[in-house]
């Protein structure tokens, strides 16, 4: 009976006594004060600083990211605006390209106002620019939509620099158009004076076609030139609003450098052809000059092999020392007996595209062909090929332990070449890359592991 009565008694205190309860309340109050103090000086997730003001207004707190300082919040806003400006202006540029085709090119072609040769002279490679713009804009818009779907309202996951580098092969298309711009305008002026029907069509289109915004054909033909010169400005705005540790920061700077180098190359080509006009000039430094030289060499290599630009990958390029041994005895005497000459070497690989959504698929397709292009140092403003490209499907690449600073490339039944770089590690890197693609091409090499054997009859095979 006593136990039952005591069990029925309901306690009125906390069960921990007055002193512990007072200590617990004090500790809870201290913890709350510490949390409030940390909240007042919490680190910004972008810059790491602790200067975040305490938001008393709930609405203002919701409008501004709670984990960003005011400076970083402003930077994110500027970056979002710059990214959207890049995409929106690309869409506007694409609309101008479609106007050129649908409101000028196709009607003039259907009415027979100009011959196909004259149309090509005026509109140049406008269709190529349209295709590139559509693919580029599609990828950009997909990135924007995906960011919003994932709750990234600041578009921090959108990497414009990486996408631009993926489509960097569109820059030579701009170059083709820009270099033909002067002759295109001259041809249009001459034909407009000569053909009355053409002159009437252009006047009526400008005054009555609302889609043209009262702009003439010459204004629309300037759209590609204006667009390619605006890329560095747009990229600079995004770079300014992007922190250095953002994953796209390096790609943005590289993209800006690539487009500036191409513009300098276009200006150089324009001067060589005797034209007085130039695109917007940029500050030249040694890095941009080297990039301009690389662009020229890539163009020379592409013209030589005749591959499609979008299916070509430049695996390696740079200066190598080359020698052609007269016989196989050089191995015994060492590479010091060989006479080396400086040569610009480019390793090109022809890849089959796996996806049509972009110019360069993230996962490259199978290797169709690989060549080594040998170019002499620039002379009289032009590059000269040493010989026809070396097709790696017909070559064997090997090294010798006694000459680890060189490697040998034997073209079956023809010639042998010895290569080396001033840096031994880079020589080995060249060797590994060339050997890799020589092994991938040619079924007989896969069986023989790309090594000389008794089934290969060549006087240059090493003993």
Protein backbone atom coordinates (compact mmCIF):
# COMPACT_ATOMS: atom_id res chain seq x y z
CA UNK A 1 0.00 0.00 0.00
CA UNK A 2 2.86 2.33 0.73
CA UNK A 3 4.52 1.61 -2.60
CA UNK A 4 1.30 2.27 -4.52
CA UNK A 5 0.74 5.58 -2.77
CA UNK A 6 4.27 6.82 -3.45
CA UNK A 7 3.94 5.86 -7.11
CA UNK A 8 0.79 7.89 -7.47
CA UNK A 9 2.42 11.04 -6.18
CA UNK A 10 3.04 13.52 -9.06
CA UNK A 11 6.18 15.60 -8.82
CA UNK A 12 5.81 19.35 -9.24
CA UNK A 13 9.54 20.16 -9.70
CA UNK A 14 11.85 19.35 -12.63
CA UNK A 15 13.39 16.41 -10.89
CA UNK A 16 16.93 17.78 -11.04
CA UNK A 17 16.85 20.15 -8.13
CA UNK A 18 17.04 23.94 -7.96
CA UNK A 19 20.81 24.33 -8.28
CA UNK A 20 21.27 22.10 -11.34
CA UNK A 21 18.22 23.65 -12.97
CA UNK A 22 19.66 27.14 -12.47
CA UNK A 23 23.02 26.03 -13.96
CA UNK A 24 21.24 24.44 -16.94
CA UNK A 25 19.27 27.64 -17.61
CA UNK A 26 22.46 29.72 -17.41
CA UNK A 27 24.28 27.38 -19.78
CA UNK A 28 21.36 27.42 -22.22
CA UNK A 29 21.35 31.21 -22.09
CA UNK A 30 25.12 31.29 -22.76
CA UNK A 31 24.73 28.85 -25.67
CA UNK A 32 21.97 30.96 -27.17
CA UNK A 33 24.11 34.08 -26.83
CA UNK A 34 27.02 32.27 -28.52
CA UNK A 35 24.79 31.17 -31.38
CA UNK A 36 23.52 34.70 -31.81
CA UNK A 37 27.08 36.03 -31.75
CA UNK A 38 28.18 33.45 -34.35
CA UNK A 39 25.14 34.31 -36.47
CA UNK A 40 26.14 37.95 -36.33
CA UNK A 41 29.71 37.12 -37.46
CA UNK A 42 29.17 33.96 -39.49
CA UNK A 43 31.63 33.45 -42.36
CA UNK A 44 30.56 34.21 -45.91
CA UNK A 45 30.53 31.07 -48.04
CA UNK A 46 32.10 32.90 -50.97
CA UNK A 47 34.88 34.98 -49.43
CA UNK A 48 35.13 33.58 -45.88
CA UNK A 49 34.90 36.99 -44.22
CA UNK A 50 32.82 37.54 -41.09
CA UNK A 51 31.25 40.91 -41.70
CA UNK A 52 27.65 39.81 -42.27
CA UNK A 53 25.16 42.23 -40.69
CA UNK A 54 22.34 40.80 -38.57
CA UNK A 55 19.07 40.95 -40.48
CA UNK A 56 16.18 42.12 -38.32
CA UNK A 57 13.71 42.26 -41.18
CA UNK A 58 12.59 38.75 -42.16
CA UNK A 59 11.70 39.84 -45.67
CA UNK A 60 15.13 41.34 -46.28
CA UNK A 61 16.75 38.20 -44.88
CA UNK A 62 14.80 36.06 -47.32
CA UNK A 63 15.68 38.32 -50.23
CA UNK A 64 19.40 38.17 -49.49
CA UNK A 65 21.27 34.88 -49.06
CA UNK A 66 21.77 34.35 -45.31
CA UNK A 67 25.27 32.94 -45.81
CA UNK A 68 26.64 35.68 -48.08
CA UNK A 69 28.14 39.00 -47.24
CA UNK A 70 26.83 42.07 -48.99
CA UNK A 71 29.86 42.28 -51.29
CA UNK A 72 29.57 38.66 -52.43
CA UNK A 73 25.83 38.93 -52.83
CA UNK A 74 26.38 41.90 -55.13
CA UNK A 75 29.06 39.97 -57.04
CA UNK A 76 26.72 37.02 -57.54
CA UNK A 77 24.03 39.33 -58.84
CA UNK A 78 26.47 40.91 -61.28
CA UNK A 79 27.66 37.49 -62.43
CA UNK A 80 24.12 36.29 -63.03
CA UNK A 81 23.34 39.42 -65.05
CA UNK A 82 26.55 38.98 -67.08
CA UNK A 83 25.80 35.32 -67.80
CA UNK A 84 22.25 36.11 -68.90
CA UNK A 85 23.57 38.98 -71.04
CA UNK A 86 25.97 36.57 -72.76
CA UNK A 87 23.16 34.11 -73.53
CA UNK A 88 20.58 36.73 -74.52
CA UNK A 89 22.95 38.56 -76.87
CA UNK A 90 23.90 35.23 -78.44
CA UNK A 91 20.20 34.63 -79.09
CA UNK A 92 19.82 38.11 -80.61
CA UNK A 93 22.84 37.50 -82.82
CA UNK A 94 21.31 34.22 -83.98
CA UNK A 95 18.08 36.02 -84.84
CA UNK A 96 20.02 38.46 -87.05
CA UNK A 97 21.68 35.52 -88.82
CA UNK A 98 18.28 33.95 -89.52
CA UNK A 99 17.03 37.28 -90.88
CA UNK A 100 19.97 37.36 -93.29
CA UNK A 101 19.06 33.93 -94.56
CA UNK A 102 15.25 34.06 -94.55
CA UNK A 103 14.66 37.70 -95.49
CA UNK A 104 17.52 38.25 -97.93
CA UNK A 105 19.33 35.12 -99.09
CA UNK A 106 16.37 32.81 -99.76
CA UNK A 107 14.12 35.46 -101.45
CA UNK A 108 16.99 36.62 -103.67
CA UNK A 109 17.76 33.01 -104.57
CA UNK A 110 14.11 32.14 -105.29
CA UNK A 111 13.58 35.24 -107.44
CA UNK A 112 16.78 34.63 -109.37
CA UNK A 113 18.09 38.12 -108.61
CA UNK A 114 21.64 36.79 -108.27
CA UNK A 115 23.49 33.69 -109.37
CA UNK A 116 24.64 31.11 -106.84
CA UNK A 117 28.22 32.30 -107.22
CA UNK A 118 27.18 35.90 -106.52
CA UNK A 119 25.14 34.83 -103.49
CA UNK A 120 28.15 32.93 -102.14
CA UNK A 121 30.34 35.97 -102.70
CA UNK A 122 28.00 38.23 -100.69
CA UNK A 123 26.82 35.91 -97.92
CA UNK A 124 30.03 33.85 -97.60
CA UNK A 125 29.73 31.02 -95.02
CA UNK A 126 26.60 32.41 -93.34
CA UNK A 127 25.02 28.94 -93.13
CA UNK A 128 28.01 27.62 -91.19
CA UNK A 129 27.68 30.50 -88.72
CA UNK A 130 23.95 29.76 -88.34
CA UNK A 131 24.60 26.09 -87.54
CA UNK A 132 27.31 26.98 -85.02
CA UNK A 133 25.11 29.56 -83.32
CA UNK A 134 22.20 27.14 -83.01
CA UNK A 135 24.36 24.43 -81.41
CA UNK A 136 26.13 26.89 -79.13
CA UNK A 137 22.90 28.55 -78.02
CA UNK A 138 21.22 25.20 -77.40
CA UNK A 139 23.93 24.12 -74.98
CA UNK A 140 23.93 27.51 -73.24
CA UNK A 141 20.16 27.46 -72.79
CA UNK A 142 20.24 23.89 -71.47
CA UNK A 143 22.77 24.93 -68.82
CA UNK A 144 20.62 27.87 -67.76
CA UNK A 145 17.44 25.77 -67.55
CA UNK A 146 19.21 23.03 -65.63
CA UNK A 147 20.58 25.52 -63.11
CA UNK A 148 17.12 26.97 -62.43
CA UNK A 149 15.60 23.48 -62.17
CA UNK A 150 18.17 22.56 -59.52
CA UNK A 151 17.41 25.68 -57.49
CA UNK A 152 20.56 27.55 -58.52
CA UNK A 153 18.94 30.96 -58.87
CA UNK A 154 22.34 32.69 -58.99
CA UNK A 155 23.51 30.49 -61.92
CA UNK A 156 26.72 29.65 -60.07
CA UNK A 157 26.79 26.18 -61.68
CA UNK A 158 26.72 27.63 -65.22
CA UNK A 159 30.26 27.53 -66.64
CA UNK A 160 30.34 29.81 -69.68
CA UNK A 161 34.12 29.43 -70.06
CA UNK A 162 33.99 25.63 -70.32
CA UNK A 163 31.16 25.78 -72.86
CA UNK A 164 33.00 28.41 -74.92
CA UNK A 165 36.15 26.27 -75.04
CA UNK A 166 34.04 23.31 -76.12
CA UNK A 167 32.88 25.37 -79.11
CA UNK A 168 36.21 27.07 -79.76
CA UNK A 169 36.20 25.57 -83.28
CA UNK A 170 33.63 28.19 -84.24
CA UNK A 171 36.34 30.88 -84.22
CA UNK A 172 37.88 29.84 -87.58
CA UNK A 173 34.39 30.15 -89.11
CA UNK A 174 34.29 33.78 -87.92
CA UNK A 175 37.73 34.27 -89.43
CA UNK A 176 36.56 33.00 -92.83
CA UNK A 177 33.61 35.39 -92.77
CA UNK A 178 35.60 38.40 -91.57
CA UNK A 179 38.34 38.01 -94.17
CA UNK A 180 35.72 37.95 -96.95
CA UNK A 181 33.73 40.88 -95.59
CA UNK A 182 35.50 43.56 -97.60
CA UNK A 183 35.08 41.75 -100.93
CA UNK A 184 31.45 40.91 -100.04
CA UNK A 185 30.53 44.55 -99.49
CA UNK A 186 32.30 45.62 -102.67
CA UNK A 187 30.45 42.97 -104.66
CA UNK A 188 27.10 44.01 -103.16
CA UNK A 189 27.73 47.67 -104.03
CA UNK A 190 28.65 46.81 -107.62
CA UNK A 191 25.66 44.50 -108.13
CA UNK A 192 23.24 47.01 -106.61
CA UNK A 193 24.35 49.63 -109.15
CA UNK A 194 24.18 47.12 -111.99
CA UNK A 195 20.87 45.35 -111.25
CA UNK A 196 17.79 47.52 -110.84
CA UNK A 197 15.59 44.69 -109.53
CA UNK A 198 18.09 44.01 -106.77
CA UNK A 199 18.13 47.67 -105.80
CA UNK A 200 14.31 47.78 -105.68
CA UNK A 201 14.15 44.61 -103.59
CA UNK A 202 16.63 45.94 -101.03
CA UNK A 203 14.84 49.31 -100.73
CA UNK A 204 11.39 47.75 -100.34
CA UNK A 205 12.68 45.26 -97.78
CA UNK A 206 14.25 47.98 -95.65
CA UNK A 207 11.17 50.23 -95.68
CA UNK A 208 8.30 47.72 -95.59
CA UNK A 209 9.61 44.58 -93.88
CA UNK A 210 9.03 45.09 -90.14
CA UNK A 211 11.34 42.19 -89.28
CA UNK A 212 14.30 44.21 -90.51
CA UNK A 213 13.74 47.09 -88.06
CA UNK A 214 14.41 49.51 -90.96
CA UNK A 215 17.98 48.21 -91.25
CA UNK A 216 19.58 47.49 -94.62
CA UNK A 217 21.40 44.36 -95.71
CA UNK A 218 24.83 45.85 -95.06
CA UNK A 219 23.97 46.41 -91.41
CA UNK A 220 22.94 42.79 -90.97
CA UNK A 221 26.04 41.52 -92.74
CA UNK A 222 28.10 43.25 -90.04
CA UNK A 223 26.48 41.12 -87.29
CA UNK A 224 29.16 38.35 -87.24
CA UNK A 225 31.97 40.93 -87.05
CA UNK A 226 30.24 42.75 -84.21
CA UNK A 227 29.56 39.50 -82.37
CA UNK A 228 33.09 38.09 -82.50
CA UNK A 229 34.55 41.37 -81.22
CA UNK A 230 32.03 41.47 -78.37
CA UNK A 231 33.00 38.07 -76.94
CA UNK A 232 36.09 39.40 -75.06
CA UNK A 233 34.01 42.18 -73.46
CA UNK A 234 31.28 39.80 -72.33
CA UNK A 235 33.79 37.29 -70.97
CA UNK A 236 35.63 40.09 -69.13
CA UNK A 237 32.43 41.05 -67.32
CA UNK A 238 31.84 37.48 -66.22
CA UNK A 239 35.49 37.12 -65.12
CA UNK A 240 35.24 40.31 -63.05
CA UNK A 241 32.22 38.93 -61.19
CA UNK A 242 33.65 35.40 -60.75
CA UNK A 243 35.81 34.54 -57.74
CA UNK A 244 39.23 33.01 -58.39
CA UNK A 245 38.33 29.67 -56.80
CA UNK A 246 35.21 29.21 -58.93
CA UNK A 247 35.67 26.10 -61.14
CA UNK A 248 35.05 28.15 -64.29
CA UNK A 249 37.49 30.98 -63.53
CA UNK A 250 40.45 29.42 -65.33
CA UNK A 251 38.34 28.41 -68.34
CA UNK A 252 36.94 31.93 -68.62
CA UNK A 253 40.42 33.43 -68.77
CA UNK A 254 41.57 30.85 -71.30
CA UNK A 255 38.49 31.47 -73.46
CA UNK A 256 39.13 35.22 -73.40
CA UNK A 257 42.77 34.69 -74.38
CA UNK A 258 41.78 32.37 -77.24
CA UNK A 259 39.28 34.79 -78.76
CA UNK A 260 41.68 37.74 -78.45
CA UNK A 261 44.40 35.73 -80.18
CA UNK A 262 42.03 34.86 -83.01
CA UNK A 263 41.09 38.51 -83.44
CA UNK A 264 44.77 39.47 -83.62
CA UNK A 265 45.26 36.73 -86.19
CA UNK A 266 42.34 38.04 -88.26
CA UNK A 267 43.84 41.53 -88.18
CA UNK A 268 47.21 40.17 -89.27
CA UNK A 269 45.62 38.27 -92.18
CA UNK A 270 43.67 41.40 -93.13
CA UNK A 271 46.85 43.47 -93.36
CA UNK A 272 48.57 40.76 -95.41
CA UNK A 273 45.73 40.87 -97.94
CA UNK A 274 46.06 44.64 -98.27
CA UNK A 275 42.78 45.63 -96.59
CA UNK A 276 42.66 48.85 -94.59
CA UNK A 277 39.97 47.83 -92.09
CA UNK A 278 40.74 45.91 -88.91
CA UNK A 279 38.75 44.48 -86.05
CA UNK A 280 38.95 45.88 -82.55
CA UNK A 281 42.62 45.83 -81.54
CA UNK A 282 43.85 44.21 -78.34
CA UNK A 283 47.00 44.52 -76.30
CA UNK A 284 49.61 42.15 -77.66
CA UNK A 285 51.91 40.20 -75.38
CA UNK A 286 54.22 37.26 -75.90
CA UNK A 287 51.57 34.71 -74.95
CA UNK A 288 49.06 36.06 -77.49
CA UNK A 289 51.74 36.19 -80.17
CA UNK A 290 52.56 32.54 -79.55
CA UNK A 291 48.88 31.68 -79.74
CA UNK A 292 48.59 33.51 -83.08
CA UNK A 293 51.47 31.42 -84.42
CA UNK A 294 49.76 28.26 -83.18
CA UNK A 295 46.56 29.25 -84.99
CA UNK A 296 48.49 29.67 -88.24
CA UNK A 297 50.14 26.28 -87.84
CA UNK A 298 46.80 24.58 -87.13
CA UNK A 299 45.31 26.13 -90.25
CA UNK A 300 48.24 24.92 -92.33
CA UNK A 301 47.93 21.43 -90.87
CA UNK A 302 44.16 21.27 -91.46
CA UNK A 303 44.51 22.34 -95.08
CA UNK A 304 47.20 19.72 -95.58
CA UNK A 305 45.30 16.73 -94.18
CA UNK A 306 41.89 17.89 -95.48
CA UNK A 307 39.93 16.83 -92.38
CA UNK A 308 36.76 18.43 -91.05
CA UNK A 309 37.56 20.98 -88.36
CA UNK A 310 34.95 19.65 -85.93
CA UNK A 311 36.35 16.10 -86.16
CA UNK A 312 39.98 17.12 -85.60
CA UNK A 313 41.77 17.16 -82.25
CA UNK A 314 45.20 18.74 -81.79
CA UNK A 315 46.66 16.37 -79.22
CA UNK A 316 50.12 17.97 -79.02
CA UNK A 317 51.97 20.77 -80.77
CA UNK A 318 55.26 22.48 -80.26
CA UNK A 319 58.92 22.64 -81.20
CA UNK A 320 60.96 19.45 -81.55
CA UNK A 321 64.44 18.70 -82.84
CA UNK A 322 64.49 16.30 -85.79
CA UNK A 323 67.22 14.26 -87.45
CA UNK A 324 67.19 11.70 -90.25
CA UNK A 325 69.89 9.06 -89.66
CA UNK A 326 71.50 7.74 -92.85
CA UNK A 327 71.57 4.20 -91.48
CA UNK A 328 70.99 2.22 -88.32
CA UNK A 329 74.53 2.67 -86.99
CA UNK A 330 73.70 5.87 -85.11
CA UNK A 331 72.45 3.86 -82.16
CA UNK A 332 75.92 2.48 -81.51
CA UNK A 333 77.58 5.87 -81.84
CA UNK A 334 74.89 7.77 -79.92
CA UNK A 335 72.61 10.65 -80.82
CA UNK A 336 75.48 13.13 -80.59
CA UNK A 337 76.55 12.11 -84.08
CA UNK A 338 73.21 13.18 -85.56
CA UNK A 339 72.54 16.63 -86.97
CA UNK A 340 69.29 17.97 -85.53
CA UNK A 341 67.21 20.83 -86.87
CA UNK A 342 64.39 22.68 -85.14
CA UNK A 343 60.92 21.79 -86.37
CA UNK A 344 57.33 22.64 -85.46
CA UNK A 345 55.45 19.37 -84.93
CA UNK A 346 51.68 18.88 -84.61
CA UNK A 347 49.99 15.61 -83.62
CA UNK A 348 46.50 15.55 -85.16
CA UNK A 349 43.85 12.93 -84.50
CA UNK A 350 40.69 12.46 -86.55
CA UNK A 351 37.87 11.47 -84.17
CA UNK A 352 34.40 10.33 -85.11
CA UNK A 353 31.75 12.48 -83.43
CA UNK A 354 29.50 10.57 -81.03
CA UNK A 355 26.98 13.38 -80.54
CA UNK A 356 25.57 16.05 -82.82
CA UNK A 357 24.64 18.38 -79.95
CA UNK A 358 28.11 19.90 -79.78
CA UNK A 359 31.18 20.26 -81.91
CA UNK A 360 33.37 18.31 -79.53
CA UNK A 361 31.75 15.46 -77.67
CA UNK A 362 32.66 15.06 -74.01
CA UNK A 363 33.39 11.39 -74.77
CA UNK A 364 35.48 11.24 -77.94
CA UNK A 365 34.59 8.64 -80.49
CA UNK A 366 36.91 6.07 -82.06
CA UNK A 367 40.12 7.21 -83.73
CA UNK A 368 39.80 7.16 -87.52
CA UNK A 369 43.25 8.48 -88.35
CA UNK A 370 46.26 10.16 -86.77
CA UNK A 371 49.08 12.08 -88.43
CA UNK A 372 52.22 13.93 -87.52
CA UNK A 373 52.64 17.23 -89.40
CA UNK A 374 56.18 18.59 -89.68
CA UNK A 375 56.47 22.33 -90.33
CA UNK A 376 59.65 24.31 -90.83
CA UNK A 377 60.18 27.47 -88.84
CA UNK A 378 58.39 30.49 -90.24
CA UNK A 379 60.14 32.03 -93.25
CA UNK A 380 59.03 35.12 -95.19
CA UNK A 381 55.82 35.29 -93.15
CA UNK A 382 54.66 31.79 -94.10
CA UNK A 383 55.00 28.25 -92.80
CA UNK A 384 56.34 25.51 -95.06
CA UNK A 385 55.78 21.78 -94.71
CA UNK A 386 58.89 19.64 -94.48
CA UNK A 387 57.10 16.78 -96.24
CA UNK A 388 53.68 15.21 -96.46
CA UNK A 389 52.15 14.27 -93.08
CA UNK A 390 53.36 11.08 -91.42
CA UNK A 391 50.38 8.75 -91.03
CA UNK A 392 50.82 6.88 -87.77
CA UNK A 393 48.95 3.87 -89.15
CA UNK A 394 52.04 3.27 -91.30
CA UNK A 395 54.64 4.05 -88.65
CA UNK A 396 56.44 2.31 -85.82
CA UNK A 397 57.59 4.27 -82.78
CA UNK A 398 60.31 2.94 -80.49
CA UNK A 399 63.04 3.96 -78.06
CA UNK A 400 66.40 2.56 -77.10
CA UNK A 401 67.66 2.28 -73.48
CA UNK A 402 71.05 3.65 -74.53
CA UNK A 403 69.46 6.79 -76.04
CA UNK A 404 66.70 7.71 -73.59
CA UNK A 405 66.77 11.36 -74.66
CA UNK A 406 65.39 10.55 -78.14
CA UNK A 407 62.81 8.35 -79.82
CA UNK A 408 62.62 7.00 -83.35
CA UNK A 409 59.70 6.96 -85.77
CA UNK A 410 60.01 4.64 -88.76
CA UNK A 411 57.72 5.03 -91.74
CA UNK A 412 57.48 1.52 -93.12
CA UNK A 413 59.51 1.00 -96.29
CA UNK A 414 60.32 4.69 -96.51
CA UNK A 415 62.12 6.91 -93.98
CA UNK A 416 63.23 7.03 -90.39
CA UNK A 417 63.15 10.07 -88.11
CA UNK A 418 64.71 10.72 -84.72
CA UNK A 419 63.01 13.25 -82.42
CA UNK A 420 63.95 14.89 -79.18
CA UNK A 421 62.88 17.84 -77.06
CA UNK A 422 65.12 20.13 -75.06
CA UNK A 423 63.34 18.76 -71.98
CA UNK A 424 63.77 14.98 -71.54
CA UNK A 425 60.45 14.57 -69.72
CA UNK A 426 58.62 16.25 -72.58
CA UNK A 427 60.46 14.00 -75.05
CA UNK A 428 59.04 10.99 -73.21
CA UNK A 429 55.57 12.55 -73.24
CA UNK A 430 55.74 13.03 -77.02
CA UNK A 431 56.86 9.43 -77.40
CA UNK A 432 54.00 8.04 -75.30
CA UNK A 433 51.36 10.05 -77.14
CA UNK A 434 52.64 9.15 -80.64
CA UNK A 435 53.09 5.49 -79.72
CA UNK A 436 49.57 5.35 -78.29
CA UNK A 437 47.89 6.38 -81.55
CA UNK A 438 50.27 4.36 -83.73
CA UNK A 439 49.20 1.27 -81.80
CA UNK A 440 45.50 2.06 -82.06
CA UNK A 441 45.62 2.24 -85.86
CA UNK A 442 46.33 -0.80 -88.04
CA UNK A 443 45.25 -4.34 -87.17
CA UNK A 444 48.73 -5.75 -87.82
CA UNK A 445 50.20 -3.42 -85.19
CA UNK A 446 47.72 -4.61 -82.59
CA UNK A 447 48.89 -8.16 -83.18
CA UNK A 448 52.59 -7.26 -83.23
CA UNK A 449 52.34 -4.69 -80.39
CA UNK A 450 53.68 -1.97 -82.72
CA UNK A 451 57.23 -3.34 -82.63
CA UNK A 452 59.52 -4.14 -85.56
CA UNK A 453 59.52 -7.81 -86.50
CA UNK A 454 60.63 -10.14 -89.27
CA UNK A 455 57.51 -9.41 -91.33
CA UNK A 456 58.59 -5.78 -91.77
CA UNK A 457 61.27 -5.27 -94.36
CA UNK A 458 62.95 -1.90 -93.92
CA UNK A 459 66.61 -0.88 -93.95
CA UNK A 460 65.99 1.57 -91.08
CA UNK A 461 64.99 -1.04 -88.51
CA UNK A 462 67.26 -0.90 -85.51
CA UNK A 463 69.52 -3.88 -84.88
